[in-house]
Protein backbone atom coordinates (compact mmCIF):
# COMPACT_ATOMS: atom_id res chain seq x y z
CA MET A 1 86.27 97.79 84.51
CA LYS A 2 84.01 98.80 87.38
CA PRO A 3 85.21 102.02 89.09
CA ASN A 4 86.85 101.35 92.45
CA ILE A 5 87.40 104.16 94.93
CA PHE A 6 90.59 102.56 96.29
CA SER A 7 92.14 102.49 92.81
CA VAL A 8 91.74 106.27 92.82
CA ALA A 9 92.38 107.01 96.50
CA THR A 10 95.67 105.11 96.73
CA LYS A 11 97.33 107.08 99.52
CA GLU A 12 98.04 105.48 102.89
CA LEU A 13 95.54 107.87 104.52
CA SER A 14 92.74 106.29 102.48
CA GLN A 15 93.86 102.85 103.59
CA ASP A 16 94.04 104.08 107.19
CA GLY A 17 90.43 105.11 106.83
CA PHE A 18 89.38 101.67 105.63
CA PHE A 19 91.08 99.77 108.45
CA THR A 20 89.78 102.21 111.06
CA TRP A 21 86.28 101.70 109.64
CA LEU A 22 86.70 97.90 109.65
CA LEU A 23 87.89 97.88 113.26
CA GLN A 24 84.91 99.99 114.29
CA TRP A 25 82.63 97.35 112.84
CA ALA A 26 84.10 94.79 115.27
CA ASP A 27 82.32 96.41 118.23
CA ASN A 28 79.50 94.11 119.29
CA GLU A 29 76.97 96.94 119.14
CA ASN A 30 77.35 97.05 115.37
CA SER A 31 76.20 93.48 114.77
CA LYS A 32 72.61 94.74 114.57
CA TYR A 33 73.46 96.73 111.45
CA ASP A 34 75.31 94.00 109.52
CA GLN A 35 76.08 90.76 111.31
CA GLN A 36 78.30 89.35 108.55
CA LEU A 37 80.41 92.48 108.40
CA ASN A 38 80.61 92.52 112.18
CA GLU A 39 81.87 88.92 112.20
CA THR A 40 84.46 89.66 109.51
CA ALA A 41 85.73 92.64 111.49
CA LYS A 42 85.97 90.45 114.59
CA ASP A 43 87.98 87.90 112.62
CA PHE A 44 90.34 90.70 111.63
CA VAL A 45 90.77 91.71 115.28
CA ARG A 46 91.42 88.09 116.31
CA LEU A 47 94.09 87.87 113.60
CA ILE A 48 95.78 90.94 115.06
CA LEU A 49 95.55 89.62 118.62
CA ASP A 50 96.55 86.03 117.77
CA GLU A 51 93.34 84.93 119.48
CA THR A 52 91.27 81.85 118.64
CA THR A 53 87.82 81.93 117.06
CA ASP A 54 86.13 81.54 120.43
CA TYR A 55 87.61 84.77 121.81
CA GLN A 56 84.68 87.12 122.41
CA ILE A 57 84.99 90.68 121.17
CA ASN A 58 82.56 93.07 122.81
CA LYS A 59 83.96 96.57 123.00
CA VAL A 60 86.20 98.24 120.41
CA LYS A 61 87.43 101.82 120.56
CA VAL A 62 89.47 103.04 117.58
CA ARG A 63 91.52 106.19 117.00
CA ARG A 64 93.57 107.61 114.15
CA GLN A 65 96.80 109.58 114.57
CA TRP A 66 96.97 109.28 118.36
CA ASN A 67 100.55 110.46 119.03
CA ASN A 68 101.19 110.14 115.26
CA ILE A 69 100.31 106.42 115.27
CA ASP A 70 98.37 105.54 112.10
CA ILE A 71 95.69 103.54 113.93
CA SER A 72 95.30 102.53 117.56
CA ALA A 73 92.54 100.53 119.21
CA GLU A 74 91.44 99.28 122.61
CA ILE A 75 89.76 95.87 122.65
CA ASN A 76 87.55 94.85 125.60
CA ASP A 77 89.56 97.20 127.85
CA GLU A 78 92.10 94.39 127.78
CA TYR A 79 94.27 94.91 124.69
CA PHE A 80 95.81 98.04 123.21
CA ILE A 81 96.76 97.76 119.56
CA VAL A 82 99.28 99.91 117.69
CA ILE A 83 98.95 99.65 113.91
CA GLU A 84 101.49 101.01 111.44
CA ASP A 85 99.78 100.92 108.05
CA LYS A 86 101.92 100.79 104.89
CA THR A 87 101.12 100.55 101.20
CA ASN A 88 104.36 100.71 99.21
CA THR A 89 106.73 102.55 101.56
CA ARG A 90 109.08 101.10 104.19
CA GLU A 91 109.17 102.00 107.88
CA HIS A 92 111.64 104.74 108.68
CA SER A 93 113.01 107.22 111.25
CA LYS A 94 112.66 104.77 114.18
CA GLN A 95 108.92 105.36 114.08
CA LEU A 96 108.09 101.83 115.26
CA GLU A 97 110.23 102.18 118.36
CA ARG A 98 108.61 105.53 119.19
CA TYR A 99 105.12 104.06 118.95
CA GLN A 100 106.06 101.19 121.25
CA LYS A 101 107.37 103.64 123.81
CA GLU A 102 104.16 105.69 123.70
CA ALA A 103 102.01 102.60 124.19
CA GLU A 104 104.12 101.25 127.04
CA GLU A 105 103.94 104.58 128.86
CA GLN A 106 100.23 105.28 128.34
CA TYR A 107 98.74 101.76 128.45
CA LYS A 108 100.67 99.97 131.17
CA ASN A 109 97.60 98.05 132.32
CA HIS A 110 96.79 96.64 128.88
CA LYS A 111 98.23 93.82 126.83
CA ASN A 112 99.98 95.75 124.06
CA LYS A 113 100.05 94.44 120.51
CA TYR A 114 102.14 95.95 117.72
CA VAL A 115 101.06 95.39 114.14
CA TYR A 116 102.59 96.26 110.77
CA LEU A 117 99.93 96.14 108.05
CA LYS A 118 101.46 95.86 104.58
CA THR A 119 99.18 95.76 101.54
CA GLY A 120 101.93 96.45 99.01
CA ASN A 121 105.01 94.30 98.41
CA GLU A 122 108.16 94.40 100.50
CA SER A 123 111.57 92.77 100.64
CA LEU A 124 111.97 89.90 103.09
CA LEU A 125 114.94 91.74 104.56
CA ALA A 126 112.83 94.83 105.31
CA THR A 127 110.00 92.74 106.74
CA GLY A 128 112.44 90.80 108.89
CA LYS A 129 113.72 94.02 110.45
CA VAL A 130 110.14 94.97 111.36
CA LYS A 131 109.61 91.60 113.05
CA GLU A 132 112.85 92.03 115.02
CA LYS A 133 111.32 95.18 116.54
CA GLY A 134 108.44 93.18 118.00
CA TYR A 135 105.79 93.89 115.37
CA LYS A 136 103.51 91.31 113.87
CA VAL A 137 103.48 91.63 110.09
CA ILE A 138 100.07 91.15 108.46
CA ASP A 139 100.39 91.08 104.71
CA ARG A 140 97.98 91.37 101.81
CA LYS A 141 97.32 87.63 101.58
CA ALA A 142 96.34 87.41 105.26
CA ILE A 143 93.97 90.36 104.86
CA LEU A 144 92.40 88.85 101.74
CA ASN A 145 91.87 85.55 103.58
CA ILE A 146 89.80 87.42 106.17
CA LEU A 147 87.83 89.47 103.64
CA ASN A 148 87.08 86.40 101.51
CA LYS A 149 85.90 84.27 104.43
CA ARG A 150 82.20 85.07 103.98
CA GLU A 151 79.92 86.78 101.49
CA ILE A 152 79.29 90.38 102.47
CA HIS A 153 77.06 92.87 100.68
CA ASN A 154 78.94 96.01 101.47
CA GLU A 155 80.40 98.16 98.67
CA ILE A 156 83.22 99.63 100.77
CA LEU A 157 84.54 96.27 101.89
CA ASN A 158 84.11 94.66 98.49
CA ASP A 159 85.85 97.53 96.72
CA PHE A 160 88.83 97.22 99.05
CA LYS A 161 88.88 93.45 98.63
CA ASP A 162 88.80 93.78 94.83
CA TYR A 163 91.54 96.39 94.98
CA LEU A 164 93.83 94.09 96.99
CA ALA A 165 92.99 91.14 94.75
CA ALA A 166 94.02 93.17 91.69
CA ILE A 167 97.41 93.91 93.31
CA GLU A 168 97.83 90.24 94.20
CA ASN A 169 97.00 89.12 90.65
CA GLU A 170 99.41 91.61 89.08
CA THR A 171 102.15 90.63 91.54
CA ASN A 172 101.79 87.00 90.45
CA SER A 173 101.71 87.89 86.73
CA PHE A 174 105.52 88.16 86.47
CA THR A 175 105.64 84.76 84.78
CA LYS A 176 104.72 86.56 81.55
CA PHE A 177 107.96 88.28 80.55
CA ASP A 178 106.17 91.32 79.08
CA ASN A 179 104.38 91.83 82.41
CA LEU A 180 107.67 91.51 84.29
CA LYS A 181 109.16 94.38 82.28
CA SER A 182 106.13 96.66 82.16
CA LYS A 183 104.04 96.25 85.34
CA TRP A 184 105.31 97.49 88.68
CA TYR A 185 103.74 94.86 90.92
CA ALA A 186 104.80 92.09 88.52
CA GLY A 187 108.39 93.31 88.76
CA GLU A 188 108.15 93.17 92.54
CA GLY A 189 106.53 89.74 92.36
CA PHE A 190 109.54 88.46 90.43
CA PHE A 191 111.90 89.69 93.14
CA ILE A 192 109.71 88.13 95.85
CA LYS A 193 109.92 84.81 94.01
CA LEU A 194 113.70 85.14 93.73
CA GLN A 195 114.00 85.72 97.47
CA GLU A 196 112.07 82.51 98.05
CA ASN A 197 114.58 80.60 95.91
CA ILE A 198 117.91 82.16 96.92
CA THR A 199 119.32 81.09 100.26
CA LYS A 200 121.81 83.97 100.49
CA SER A 201 120.93 87.36 101.96
CA THR A 202 119.17 89.48 99.33
CA ASP A 203 117.36 92.79 99.20
CA TRP A 204 115.34 94.84 96.73
CA GLN A 205 113.62 98.19 96.48
CA TYR A 206 113.06 101.14 94.17
CA VAL A 207 116.18 103.05 93.16
CA ALA A 208 115.67 106.62 91.94
CA ASN A 209 117.87 108.16 89.26
CA GLN A 210 117.76 110.84 86.58
CA THR A 211 116.54 108.45 83.89
CA GLY A 212 113.36 107.42 85.71
CA GLY A 213 114.64 104.91 88.23
CA PHE A 214 114.29 101.15 88.46
CA ILE A 215 113.39 98.37 90.86
CA GLY A 216 116.70 96.93 91.95
CA PHE A 217 117.59 93.52 93.40
CA TRP A 218 121.09 92.87 94.76
CA TYR A 219 123.12 90.21 96.57
CA HIS A 220 126.34 88.13 96.53
CA SER A 221 128.83 90.85 97.45
CA LYS A 222 132.52 89.88 97.27
CA GLU A 223 135.65 91.91 97.95
CA VAL A 224 137.97 92.80 95.09
CA ASN A 225 141.45 93.28 96.44
CA ASN A 226 142.31 96.93 97.11
CA ILE A 227 139.27 98.31 95.24
CA GLY A 228 135.94 97.57 96.92
CA TYR A 229 133.13 95.07 96.41
CA ILE A 230 131.53 93.57 93.33
CA TYR A 231 128.02 92.17 93.52
CA ILE A 232 125.08 90.95 91.46
CA GLN A 233 122.27 93.35 90.64
CA ILE A 234 119.07 93.11 88.61
CA GLU A 235 117.77 96.41 87.26
CA ASN A 236 114.14 96.46 86.15
CA ALA A 237 113.39 99.84 84.56
CA ILE A 238 109.60 99.53 84.27
CA LYS A 239 109.17 102.87 82.47
CA LYS A 240 111.62 101.75 79.78
CA HIS A 241 110.38 98.14 79.62
CA GLU A 242 113.99 97.09 80.14
CA ILE A 243 115.48 94.57 82.56
CA LYS A 244 119.17 93.74 82.95
CA LEU A 245 121.30 91.37 85.00
CA VAL A 246 124.58 93.11 85.81
CA ILE A 247 127.73 93.02 87.89
CA LYS A 248 128.20 96.20 89.92
CA ILE A 249 131.27 97.50 91.68
CA ASP A 250 131.12 99.64 94.83
CA SER A 251 134.52 101.26 95.35
CA TRP A 252 135.82 102.36 98.71
CA ARG A 253 138.45 104.14 96.60
CA PRO A 254 136.26 106.47 94.50
CA ASN A 255 139.35 108.46 93.54
CA ILE A 256 141.09 105.56 91.81
CA THR A 257 143.50 106.96 89.27
CA ASN A 258 141.87 106.58 85.84
CA LYS A 259 138.90 104.53 87.02
CA ILE A 260 137.66 103.94 83.47
CA ASN A 261 140.85 102.04 82.64
CA THR A 262 140.44 100.12 85.89
CA LEU A 263 136.91 99.05 84.91
CA HIS A 264 138.13 97.90 81.49
CA LYS A 265 140.88 95.92 83.18
CA LEU A 266 138.50 94.24 85.65
CA LEU A 267 136.01 93.35 82.92
CA ASN A 268 138.72 91.77 80.78
CA GLU A 269 139.95 89.82 83.81
CA ILE A 270 136.55 88.44 84.79
CA LYS A 271 135.34 87.52 81.28
CA PRO A 272 137.28 84.22 81.09
CA TYR A 273 135.76 83.09 84.39
CA ALA A 274 132.30 83.84 83.04
CA LYS A 275 133.03 81.86 79.87
CA GLU A 276 134.13 78.87 81.95
CA ASN A 277 130.77 79.03 83.74
CA GLY A 278 128.76 79.21 80.52
CA ILE A 279 127.78 82.91 80.51
CA THR A 280 128.85 85.87 78.41
CA LEU A 281 129.65 89.29 79.87
CA ILE A 282 129.46 92.45 77.78
CA LYS A 283 130.51 96.01 78.47
CA PRO A 284 127.79 98.53 79.41
CA ASP A 285 127.15 101.32 76.93
CA LYS A 286 129.29 103.60 79.04
CA PHE A 287 131.52 103.13 82.07
CA ARG A 288 130.87 105.69 84.82
CA LYS A 289 133.36 107.12 87.28
CA GLY A 290 131.10 107.26 90.35
CA LYS A 291 131.56 105.31 93.55
CA THR A 292 129.16 102.67 92.22
CA SER A 293 129.53 101.59 88.59
CA THR A 294 128.21 98.87 86.30
CA LEU A 295 131.12 96.59 85.47
CA ALA A 296 129.37 94.14 83.13
CA ILE A 297 126.03 93.06 81.72
CA VAL A 298 125.12 89.38 81.36
CA GLU A 299 124.15 88.76 77.76
CA ASN A 300 120.82 86.97 77.14
CA ALA A 301 120.21 86.53 80.87
CA PHE A 302 116.43 86.32 80.45
CA THR A 303 114.91 83.67 78.19
CA THR A 304 111.28 82.85 77.39
CA ASP A 305 109.36 79.90 76.05
CA LYS A 306 107.23 79.96 72.89
CA ASP A 307 104.31 81.48 74.86
CA GLY A 308 106.32 84.38 76.21
CA ASN A 309 106.70 82.93 79.70
CA LEU A 310 109.88 83.65 81.64
CA GLU A 311 112.00 80.51 81.96
CA PHE A 312 112.46 80.99 85.67
CA GLN A 313 114.52 77.89 86.39
CA LYS A 314 116.95 78.77 83.59
CA PHE A 315 117.33 82.22 85.09
CA LEU A 316 118.15 80.67 88.48
CA GLU A 317 120.82 78.59 86.73
CA THR A 318 122.22 81.77 85.17
CA LEU A 319 122.36 83.38 88.60
CA LYS A 320 124.22 80.39 90.03
CA ALA A 321 126.72 80.59 87.15
CA LEU A 322 127.18 84.31 87.81
CA GLU A 323 127.64 83.69 91.54
CA LYS A 324 130.38 81.16 90.76
CA THR A 325 131.99 83.51 88.26
CA ILE A 326 132.29 86.26 90.86
CA TYR A 327 133.45 83.83 93.54
CA ASP A 328 136.12 82.24 91.32
CA TYR A 329 137.40 85.59 90.13
CA CYS A 330 137.55 87.13 93.60
CA GLU A 331 139.26 84.06 95.07
CA ASN A 332 141.93 84.33 92.39
CA ILE A 333 142.42 88.09 92.44
CA ASN A 334 142.54 88.29 96.25
CA THR A 335 145.21 85.58 96.59
CA SER A 336 147.45 86.78 93.78
CA ASP A 337 149.83 89.68 93.46
CA ASN A 338 147.52 91.28 90.89
CA LYS A 339 146.88 94.70 92.45
CA VAL A 340 144.98 97.55 90.87
């Protein structure tokens, strides 16, 4: 494979450098050096501004780390752009609100635009929160559409384009079950696809632990009378090549007397409901006493065809059966005198 600088320089600072460089190319003065690159950069600016193709871009002034903002730019002395640039991390510490405040105070006479560039993958819930704060989210696909619009003979741009295309291809490779279990972006791609197919509120992100962590997906939380909440979770431990569909319990009573016995009791109670819905629940290797524990694992939750492709629709059916299992159990336990 041809060496690619962006496959080596994967930090957000390297990506900041690329987008700063691309924005600089949008200045009209730079068309004399490479007209095609100049036009592509202008298309990128128009995407940010929500302007049409006939909007003329003449003057572009770009800065990095102005008041800790990743990238900021003035366009035609008319617009001021704030760009928060992310690879695989989420926004945090109210940074987006702080950047808006800085722009509103310093650029009162400009039309301010707030942009969240995301080249990695992100949960729809996390992206939705960014949009609620007034930021336009520009994702990897939108960036690739701009970079692929015309043929450009520039190694920097083409390396970045190839780098993003490789991420996109791996993200979409989750249909092969081996990829789903072993490749990070494929694991995320699977969760993105699930979010597109599940109408309930869902979320996913990396979960760190002492055994190497996993990418977790969770939803369908229901109260269990006098104990806490049980919910569905998928745990994809990429380093172990292991993926599980489980029922978790989050106790608001972490000091339950003999919690291990309680977990055994709950598992034995919910198993018949699972059987009625066509799924089999098995005990995890070990019950744990912490606030959050694995209550059950769904046996044979993931199936493949003869070519090793994940049978996605069958998995959705398994999820629906598990949703109903939890709903039926919780409806019964919460309306009976069965207290733990």
